[in-house]
Amino acid sequence: GRQGYTGVNLRAAPSVEAQFLGLIPNGEQLKVLVPPVTGANGSRWYRVTYRTERGYILGSLLSSADPVADQSTAQDSEPSPALGPGALADFFPVSPVWESATRDALMTHLGRTKTTAHFTVHYRANTFAEADLGTFAGDAEEAVRHIEQLLELEWSGQADFYLAYALFSPPDSGLRGYTRSYERMIFVLYDGTGTRLDRQYITAHEITHQVARDAIGGASSTMLSEGLAMYTGQRYLLMNGNVSLDGFARAALEQGRLVPLTHLIDGRTGYRGRLFDRYPYDEAGSFVQYLIRTYGVRQFKQVYTSGDFAGVYGKDIGTLEEEWKSYLSSDRAIGPFATDPSRYLQSIGHVQDAYSRLFTALSQGQRVEGRSYAALDAARIASDQGRYQLVILRLREADI
């Protein structure tokens, strides 16, 4: 296979716009039917069989290996392409890890494991996750201790932790992590993007979902679930030099862009991932932080499972929202804050727009160069830190 790839897309027809059937990892041998077919733009495609799935692969992404004949058309076979090994720094935009994947399916792509006190970590050989495995394991266990201390609880649970080596498959591409807490399965994107502290944040964020379900109970709303995970993960974002959750919410308030809490609770505002939309996550995190700092952890745990704000706090959500807004404008709010709220939110918006273009390109089967992906990720970090000029520079380098 061509360098720069960790796998290739299997399509239902010889076109980059055809239905995506799955990703075939590097190093796999395929059964190939010949001769090749010509796509709409003149590109050469091969019809292949991978495991039990049949589809088409762009010919330029294949390299020759020992013959593996398709028994149904052996007389038409030629030496079978095989996907070459990838390098740690290489980038392929999509990994075969998705939210509804079964454990068996995941094991075919993340077949290696490491056990820690609380987790069985699943990863793929020859990836950033393997190279950084010791760091990840230590950071994950440290995050558990941090969450326990912050939420005044103990967690003796166990979970499977899956480290995706490239962006999640659609429609989850905008997520950097998610948790199937009812199955004790945690997923994070661990492809080397971000800083170590940024990766610690998403690790702690997702662990919080599992710990909260086990030690507190089921969340009454996505807003409280995501808000709590943002609150516990904020430690690492602040250490990374980011604008705080209160800083984001204050900027949104000052610019008249604060999303009403009722919209965050009732589903009118979706939670598609912070790469797509920062507002619901950071606002929810700031509000949860306000509740815990003002009324305490014990009462928050009650409202977390019940959703009964009036019963727990003696105030409806509208009253609490007005109190939160006053808090954001006061010296009680936790910084650092954006030096220029308008430019701060604008730079975040530019980064989100670039990610939207990236995901659109990937959904259309276009290749995105590793350098562009890395530059966009650097722009994301810079926008989080309020480094406006650097955001512009990195987005120009990304050219997405």
Protein backbone atom coordinates (compact mmCIF):
# COMPACT_ATOMS: atom_id res chain seq x y z
CA GLY A 1 0.00 0.00 0.00
CA ARG A 2 1.07 3.60 -0.44
CA GLN A 3 2.87 5.23 2.47
CA GLY A 4 0.75 7.66 4.46
CA TYR A 5 -2.10 5.21 4.89
CA THR A 6 -3.15 2.96 7.75
CA GLY A 7 -5.83 1.26 5.65
CA VAL A 8 -8.08 1.76 2.64
CA ASN A 9 -11.78 2.36 2.18
CA LEU A 10 -13.88 -0.48 0.79
CA ARG A 11 -16.63 0.93 -1.45
CA ALA A 12 -19.82 -0.59 -2.80
CA ALA A 13 -19.01 0.68 -6.32
CA PRO A 14 -15.89 1.97 -8.14
CA SER A 15 -16.28 5.57 -6.98
CA VAL A 16 -15.11 7.64 -4.02
CA GLU A 17 -18.73 8.74 -3.66
CA ALA A 18 -20.05 5.18 -3.39
CA GLN A 19 -21.30 3.71 -0.12
CA PHE A 20 -18.54 3.17 2.45
CA LEU A 21 -18.53 -0.52 3.46
CA GLY A 22 -15.63 -0.45 5.91
CA LEU A 23 -11.91 0.06 6.30
CA ILE A 24 -9.32 -2.63 5.54
CA PRO A 25 -6.24 -2.26 7.78
CA ASN A 26 -2.72 -2.24 6.38
CA GLY A 27 -0.97 -5.59 6.11
CA GLU A 28 -4.09 -7.54 5.13
CA GLN A 29 -4.12 -9.77 2.03
CA LEU A 30 -7.07 -9.52 -0.31
CA LYS A 31 -8.69 -11.72 -2.92
CA VAL A 32 -8.78 -9.76 -6.15
CA LEU A 33 -10.84 -10.06 -9.32
CA VAL A 34 -9.25 -8.89 -12.55
CA PRO A 35 -9.21 -7.07 -14.84
CA PRO A 36 -9.57 -3.75 -13.05
CA VAL A 37 -12.48 -1.45 -13.80
CA THR A 38 -12.38 2.23 -14.65
CA GLY A 39 -14.15 4.71 -12.43
CA ALA A 40 -16.06 7.80 -13.53
CA ASN A 41 -12.96 10.01 -13.37
CA GLY A 42 -10.73 7.51 -15.16
CA SER A 43 -9.22 6.04 -12.00
CA ARG A 44 -8.50 2.30 -11.79
CA TRP A 45 -10.42 0.20 -9.27
CA TYR A 46 -10.26 -3.46 -8.23
CA ARG A 47 -13.10 -5.61 -7.03
CA VAL A 48 -11.88 -7.44 -3.92
CA THR A 49 -13.05 -9.85 -1.26
CA TYR A 50 -12.01 -9.08 2.30
CA ARG A 51 -13.17 -11.64 4.87
CA THR A 52 -16.86 -11.98 3.91
CA GLU A 53 -17.26 -8.51 2.40
CA ARG A 54 -17.00 -7.71 -1.30
CA GLY A 55 -16.46 -4.26 -2.71
CA TYR A 56 -14.11 -1.98 -4.63
CA ILE A 57 -10.74 -0.46 -3.72
CA LEU A 58 -8.87 2.29 -5.52
CA GLY A 59 -6.03 0.62 -7.42
CA SER A 60 -3.43 3.25 -6.54
CA LEU A 61 -3.70 2.25 -2.87
CA LEU A 62 -2.70 -1.38 -3.41
CA SER A 63 0.69 -3.05 -3.63
CA SER A 64 1.57 -6.53 -4.91
CA ALA A 65 2.18 -9.50 -2.63
CA ASP A 66 1.93 -13.27 -2.88
CA PRO A 67 -1.09 -14.45 -4.84
CA VAL A 68 -4.28 -15.13 -2.91
CA ALA A 69 -6.73 -16.30 -5.52
CA ASP A 70 -10.47 -15.86 -5.20
CA GLN A 71 -11.60 -19.49 -5.59
CA SER A 72 -14.75 -18.45 -7.38
CA THR A 73 -12.76 -16.95 -10.29
CA ALA A 74 -9.31 -18.53 -9.91
CA GLN A 75 -8.67 -18.48 -13.63
CA ASP A 76 -9.00 -14.69 -13.63
CA SER A 77 -6.69 -14.08 -10.67
CA GLU A 78 -3.39 -12.24 -10.58
CA PRO A 79 -0.94 -11.56 -7.74
CA SER A 80 -3.06 -10.16 -4.95
CA PRO A 81 -2.51 -6.66 -3.61
CA ALA A 82 -1.73 -6.35 0.09
CA LEU A 83 -1.79 -3.23 2.18
CA GLY A 84 1.70 -2.21 3.23
CA PRO A 85 2.72 -1.42 6.81
CA GLY A 86 2.11 2.11 8.02
CA ALA A 87 4.49 4.34 9.97
CA LEU A 88 3.68 6.02 13.28
CA ALA A 89 3.69 9.46 11.72
CA ASP A 90 1.47 8.41 8.82
CA PHE A 91 -2.17 9.45 8.73
CA PHE A 92 -5.19 7.76 7.38
CA PRO A 93 -8.40 9.65 8.13
CA VAL A 94 -10.73 6.92 9.39
CA SER A 95 -10.29 3.92 11.68
CA PRO A 96 -12.68 0.95 11.80
CA VAL A 97 -13.80 1.90 15.31
CA TRP A 98 -17.34 3.09 15.68
CA GLU A 99 -19.87 3.56 18.42
CA SER A 100 -21.97 0.46 17.75
CA ALA A 101 -19.08 -1.91 17.00
CA THR A 102 -19.18 -5.29 18.73
CA ARG A 103 -16.35 -6.46 20.95
CA ASP A 104 -15.42 -9.14 18.41
CA ALA A 105 -15.26 -6.61 15.59
CA LEU A 106 -13.10 -4.29 17.67
CA MET A 107 -10.71 -7.10 18.53
CA THR A 108 -9.94 -7.64 14.85
CA HIS A 109 -8.57 -4.10 14.66
CA LEU A 110 -7.36 -3.49 18.22
CA GLY A 111 -6.05 -6.95 19.00
CA ARG A 112 -3.40 -6.17 21.60
CA THR A 113 -4.14 -5.55 25.28
CA LYS A 114 -2.56 -4.19 28.43
CA THR A 115 -4.11 -4.52 31.89
CA THR A 116 -4.04 -1.80 34.54
CA ALA A 117 -5.75 -1.55 37.93
CA HIS A 118 -9.07 -0.46 36.40
CA PHE A 119 -8.80 -1.06 32.67
CA THR A 120 -8.08 -3.56 29.95
CA VAL A 121 -6.55 -1.35 27.28
CA HIS A 122 -7.05 -2.43 23.66
CA TYR A 123 -4.76 -1.04 20.97
CA ARG A 124 -3.24 -1.78 17.58
CA ALA A 125 0.40 -2.63 16.92
CA ASN A 126 2.61 -0.09 15.15
CA THR A 127 0.49 2.88 16.18
CA PHE A 128 1.00 5.90 18.38
CA ALA A 129 -1.08 4.16 21.04
CA GLU A 130 1.41 1.31 21.24
CA ALA A 131 4.39 3.67 21.40
CA ASP A 132 2.75 5.76 24.14
CA LEU A 133 1.03 2.91 25.98
CA GLY A 134 2.86 3.28 29.28
CA THR A 135 2.08 6.99 29.42
CA PHE A 136 -1.58 6.40 28.63
CA ALA A 137 -1.94 3.69 31.28
CA GLY A 138 -0.41 5.89 33.97
CA ASP A 139 -2.47 8.90 32.95
CA ALA A 140 -5.71 6.87 32.96
CA GLU A 141 -5.15 5.61 36.49
CA GLU A 142 -4.18 9.11 37.65
CA ALA A 143 -7.42 10.40 36.16
CA VAL A 144 -9.40 7.87 38.20
CA ARG A 145 -7.81 9.17 41.40
CA HIS A 146 -8.53 12.77 40.40
CA ILE A 147 -12.18 12.00 39.64
CA GLU A 148 -12.62 10.12 42.92
CA GLN A 149 -11.24 13.05 44.89
CA LEU A 150 -13.22 15.69 43.03
CA LEU A 151 -16.54 13.83 43.29
CA GLU A 152 -15.92 12.48 46.80
CA LEU A 153 -16.41 8.83 45.93
CA GLU A 154 -14.50 5.60 45.34
CA TRP A 155 -14.62 3.57 42.15
CA SER A 156 -13.64 -0.08 42.21
CA GLY A 157 -15.01 -0.79 38.74
CA GLN A 158 -13.38 -2.24 35.64
CA ALA A 159 -13.80 -1.25 31.99
CA ASP A 160 -12.42 -1.98 28.53
CA PHE A 161 -10.55 0.98 27.03
CA TYR A 162 -10.26 1.11 23.23
CA LEU A 163 -7.61 3.38 21.70
CA ALA A 164 -8.59 4.38 18.16
CA TYR A 165 -5.53 4.99 15.99
CA ALA A 166 -7.30 7.40 13.60
CA LEU A 167 -10.55 9.35 13.43
CA PHE A 168 -13.69 7.41 14.28
CA SER A 169 -15.81 6.13 11.43
CA PRO A 170 -18.82 8.25 10.40
CA PRO A 171 -21.09 9.42 11.89
CA ASP A 172 -18.79 9.66 14.92
CA SER A 173 -15.94 11.55 13.22
CA GLY A 174 -16.55 14.70 15.28
CA LEU A 175 -15.99 12.85 18.54
CA ARG A 176 -12.64 12.39 20.24
CA GLY A 177 -14.13 9.93 22.69
CA TYR A 178 -17.33 8.23 23.82
CA THR A 179 -18.41 5.71 26.42
CA ARG A 180 -20.86 2.80 26.33
CA SER A 181 -21.11 2.79 30.11
CA TYR A 182 -23.81 0.10 30.21
CA GLU A 183 -21.31 -2.23 28.52
CA ARG A 184 -18.26 -0.87 30.37
CA MET A 185 -16.60 0.16 27.09
CA ILE A 186 -14.64 3.42 26.77
CA PHE A 187 -13.26 4.79 23.49
CA VAL A 188 -10.82 7.62 22.85
CA LEU A 189 -9.02 8.89 19.78
CA TYR A 190 -5.35 8.27 20.53
CA ASP A 191 -3.54 9.04 17.29
CA GLY A 192 -0.91 11.42 18.64
CA THR A 193 -2.90 14.59 18.03
CA GLY A 194 -3.13 17.19 20.77
CA THR A 195 -0.71 17.56 23.65
CA ARG A 196 -0.30 15.04 26.44
CA LEU A 197 -2.49 17.20 28.69
CA ASP A 198 -5.11 17.48 25.96
CA ARG A 199 -5.14 13.69 25.70
CA GLN A 200 -5.37 13.41 29.49
CA TYR A 201 -8.44 15.64 29.36
CA ILE A 202 -10.37 13.40 26.95
CA THR A 203 -9.27 10.31 28.88
CA ALA A 204 -10.56 11.76 32.16
CA HIS A 205 -13.72 13.01 30.43
CA GLU A 206 -14.68 9.56 29.20
CA ILE A 207 -13.69 7.77 32.42
CA THR A 208 -16.03 10.17 34.25
CA HIS A 209 -19.01 8.85 32.29
CA GLN A 210 -18.26 5.31 33.49
CA VAL A 211 -17.47 6.29 37.08
CA ALA A 212 -20.59 8.45 37.34
CA ARG A 213 -22.86 5.68 36.09
CA ASP A 214 -21.36 3.18 38.52
CA ALA A 215 -21.01 5.37 41.61
CA ILE A 216 -23.79 7.96 41.18
CA GLY A 217 -26.34 6.47 38.80
CA GLY A 218 -27.77 7.16 35.37
CA ALA A 219 -27.72 10.78 34.28
CA SER A 220 -31.08 12.54 34.00
CA SER A 221 -29.86 14.53 30.97
CA THR A 222 -27.02 14.65 28.49
CA MET A 223 -26.34 18.17 29.68
CA LEU A 224 -25.52 17.04 33.22
CA SER A 225 -23.57 14.01 32.00
CA GLU A 226 -21.40 15.98 29.60
CA GLY A 227 -21.16 18.90 32.00
CA LEU A 228 -19.80 16.68 34.75
CA ALA A 229 -17.24 15.13 32.40
CA MET A 230 -16.12 18.59 31.29
CA TYR A 231 -15.85 19.68 34.93
CA THR A 232 -13.64 16.77 35.95
CA GLY A 233 -11.50 17.02 32.82
CA GLN A 234 -10.95 20.77 33.12
CA ARG A 235 -7.89 20.27 35.34
CA TYR A 236 -5.88 19.07 32.38
CA LEU A 237 -7.19 21.78 30.05
CA LEU A 238 -6.14 24.47 32.51
CA MET A 239 -2.70 22.91 32.87
CA ASN A 240 -2.52 23.01 29.08
CA GLY A 241 -3.01 26.78 29.12
CA ASN A 242 -6.59 26.75 27.84
CA VAL A 243 -9.25 29.34 28.49
CA SER A 244 -11.40 27.90 31.31
CA LEU A 245 -14.95 26.61 31.08
CA ASP A 246 -16.14 29.73 32.89
CA GLY A 247 -13.98 31.76 30.52
CA PHE A 248 -15.73 30.25 27.50
CA ALA A 249 -19.18 30.76 29.01
CA ARG A 250 -18.34 34.34 30.01
CA ALA A 251 -17.20 35.11 26.47
CA ALA A 252 -20.40 33.60 25.07
CA LEU A 253 -22.48 35.60 27.55
CA GLU A 254 -20.72 38.87 26.73
CA GLN A 255 -21.16 38.27 23.01
CA GLY A 256 -24.83 37.36 23.34
CA ARG A 257 -24.19 33.78 22.19
CA LEU A 258 -24.89 31.81 25.35
CA VAL A 259 -27.17 28.86 24.58
CA PRO A 260 -30.14 28.70 27.01
CA LEU A 261 -29.84 25.88 29.53
CA THR A 262 -33.30 24.63 28.63
CA HIS A 263 -32.03 24.02 25.09
CA LEU A 264 -29.08 22.08 26.46
CA ILE A 265 -31.37 19.92 28.59
CA ASP A 266 -34.30 19.19 26.30
CA GLY A 267 -32.32 18.11 23.24
CA ARG A 268 -32.78 21.17 21.04
CA THR A 269 -28.99 21.48 21.11
CA GLY A 270 -27.17 18.31 20.14
CA TYR A 271 -23.90 16.91 21.45
CA ARG A 272 -22.02 15.89 18.31
CA GLY A 273 -18.52 16.40 19.69
CA ARG A 274 -16.43 19.44 20.57
CA LEU A 275 -14.77 19.35 17.17
CA PHE A 276 -18.16 20.29 15.73
CA ASP A 277 -19.58 22.49 18.47
CA ARG A 278 -17.97 23.74 21.65
CA TYR A 279 -20.97 25.58 23.11
CA PRO A 280 -23.05 22.76 24.64
CA TYR A 281 -20.04 21.04 26.23
CA ASP A 282 -18.22 24.03 27.69
CA GLU A 283 -21.40 25.77 28.83
CA ALA A 284 -22.65 22.59 30.50
CA GLY A 285 -19.27 22.19 32.19
CA SER A 286 -19.34 25.74 33.50
CA PHE A 287 -22.90 25.34 34.83
CA VAL A 288 -22.07 22.06 36.58
CA GLN A 289 -18.99 23.71 38.07
CA TYR A 290 -21.20 26.54 39.35
CA LEU A 291 -23.66 24.10 40.94
CA ILE A 292 -20.95 22.08 42.68
CA ARG A 293 -18.99 25.11 43.88
CA THR A 294 -22.13 26.86 45.11
CA TYR A 295 -24.25 24.04 46.53
CA GLY A 296 -21.83 21.13 46.96
CA VAL A 297 -21.18 17.70 45.46
CA ARG A 298 -23.82 15.85 47.50
CA GLN A 299 -26.71 17.91 46.16
CA PHE A 300 -25.33 17.74 42.64
CA LYS A 301 -25.35 13.95 42.78
CA GLN A 302 -29.05 14.11 43.65
CA VAL A 303 -29.94 16.36 40.73
CA TYR A 304 -27.65 14.36 38.42
CA THR A 305 -29.93 11.33 38.62
CA SER A 306 -33.27 13.04 39.26
CA GLY A 307 -33.15 16.17 37.11
CA ASP A 308 -35.35 17.75 39.77
CA PHE A 309 -33.68 21.13 40.15
CA ALA A 310 -36.56 22.62 42.13
CA GLY A 311 -36.71 19.65 44.49
CA VAL A 312 -32.96 19.60 45.13
CA TYR A 313 -32.11 23.31 45.10
CA GLY A 314 -35.50 24.87 45.79
CA LYS A 315 -35.14 26.83 42.53
CA ASP A 316 -36.21 26.11 38.98
CA ILE A 317 -33.75 25.93 36.11
CA GLY A 318 -34.56 29.47 34.99
CA THR A 319 -33.64 30.93 38.38
CA LEU A 320 -30.46 28.85 38.53
CA GLU A 321 -29.54 30.03 35.03
CA GLU A 322 -29.80 33.68 36.05
CA GLU A 323 -27.67 32.98 39.13
CA TRP A 324 -25.10 31.26 36.92
CA LYS A 325 -24.95 34.25 34.57
CA SER A 326 -24.34 36.57 37.51
CA TYR A 327 -21.62 34.22 38.71
CA LEU A 328 -19.95 34.27 35.28
CA SER A 329 -19.67 38.06 35.42
CA SER A 330 -18.32 38.06 38.97
CA ASP A 331 -14.87 37.51 40.43
CA ARG A 332 -16.03 34.08 41.63
CA ALA A 333 -15.75 32.67 38.13
CA ILE A 334 -12.63 30.62 37.43
CA GLY A 335 -10.20 31.85 34.78
CA PRO A 336 -8.19 32.17 32.70
CA PHE A 337 -10.49 34.26 30.54
CA ALA A 338 -10.30 35.29 26.90
CA THR A 339 -8.44 38.54 26.40
CA ASP A 340 -10.68 39.35 23.44
CA PRO A 341 -13.99 37.43 23.71
CA SER A 342 -15.06 38.24 20.16
CA ARG A 343 -11.81 37.05 18.55
CA TYR A 344 -11.73 34.04 20.87
CA LEU A 345 -15.14 32.77 19.80
CA GLN A 346 -14.43 33.69 16.20
CA SER A 347 -11.21 31.66 16.14
CA ILE A 348 -13.00 28.66 17.66
CA GLY A 349 -15.67 29.01 14.98
CA HIS A 350 -13.04 29.06 12.22
CA VAL A 351 -11.53 25.84 13.58
CA GLN A 352 -14.95 24.18 13.79
CA ASP A 353 -15.68 25.20 10.20
CA ALA A 354 -12.37 23.66 9.08
CA TYR A 355 -13.24 20.39 10.83
CA SER A 356 -16.63 20.40 9.13
CA ARG A 357 -14.88 20.72 5.76
CA LEU A 358 -12.49 17.93 6.75
CA PHE A 359 -15.31 15.55 7.62
CA THR A 360 -17.17 16.45 4.43
CA ALA A 361 -14.06 15.65 2.41
CA LEU A 362 -13.62 12.33 4.19
CA SER A 363 -17.26 11.39 3.66
CA GLN A 364 -16.70 11.94 -0.06
CA GLY A 365 -13.69 9.63 -0.06
CA GLN A 366 -11.10 12.36 -0.48
CA ARG A 367 -7.63 11.92 0.95
CA VAL A 368 -6.45 14.46 3.53
CA GLU A 369 -2.70 14.85 3.90
CA GLY A 370 -1.22 14.19 7.30
CA ARG A 371 0.40 17.62 7.43
CA SER A 372 -3.00 19.28 6.92
CA TYR A 373 -4.57 17.21 9.67
CA ALA A 374 -1.70 18.03 12.03
CA ALA A 375 -1.92 21.75 11.25
CA LEU A 376 -5.66 21.75 11.90
CA ASP A 377 -5.10 19.99 15.21
CA ALA A 378 -2.50 22.63 16.13
CA ALA A 379 -5.06 25.32 15.25
CA ARG A 380 -7.52 23.63 17.60
CA ILE A 381 -5.05 23.73 20.49
CA ALA A 382 -4.17 27.36 19.72
CA SER A 383 -7.84 28.38 19.68
CA ASP A 384 -8.39 26.69 23.03
CA GLN A 385 -5.53 28.75 24.43
CA GLY A 386 -6.76 32.02 22.93
CA ARG A 387 -3.71 32.40 20.65
CA TYR A 388 -5.54 34.09 17.82
CA GLN A 389 -2.68 34.85 15.41
CA LEU A 390 -1.38 31.30 15.70
CA VAL A 391 -4.85 29.98 14.82
CA ILE A 392 -4.79 31.95 11.57
CA LEU A 393 -1.31 30.71 10.72
CA ARG A 394 -2.09 27.05 11.41
CA LEU A 395 -5.37 27.17 9.47
CA ARG A 396 -3.51 28.55 6.47
CA GLU A 397 -1.06 25.66 6.76
CA ALA A 398 -3.94 23.18 7.00
CA ASP A 399 -5.57 24.58 3.85
CA ILE A 400 -8.70 22.51 4.33
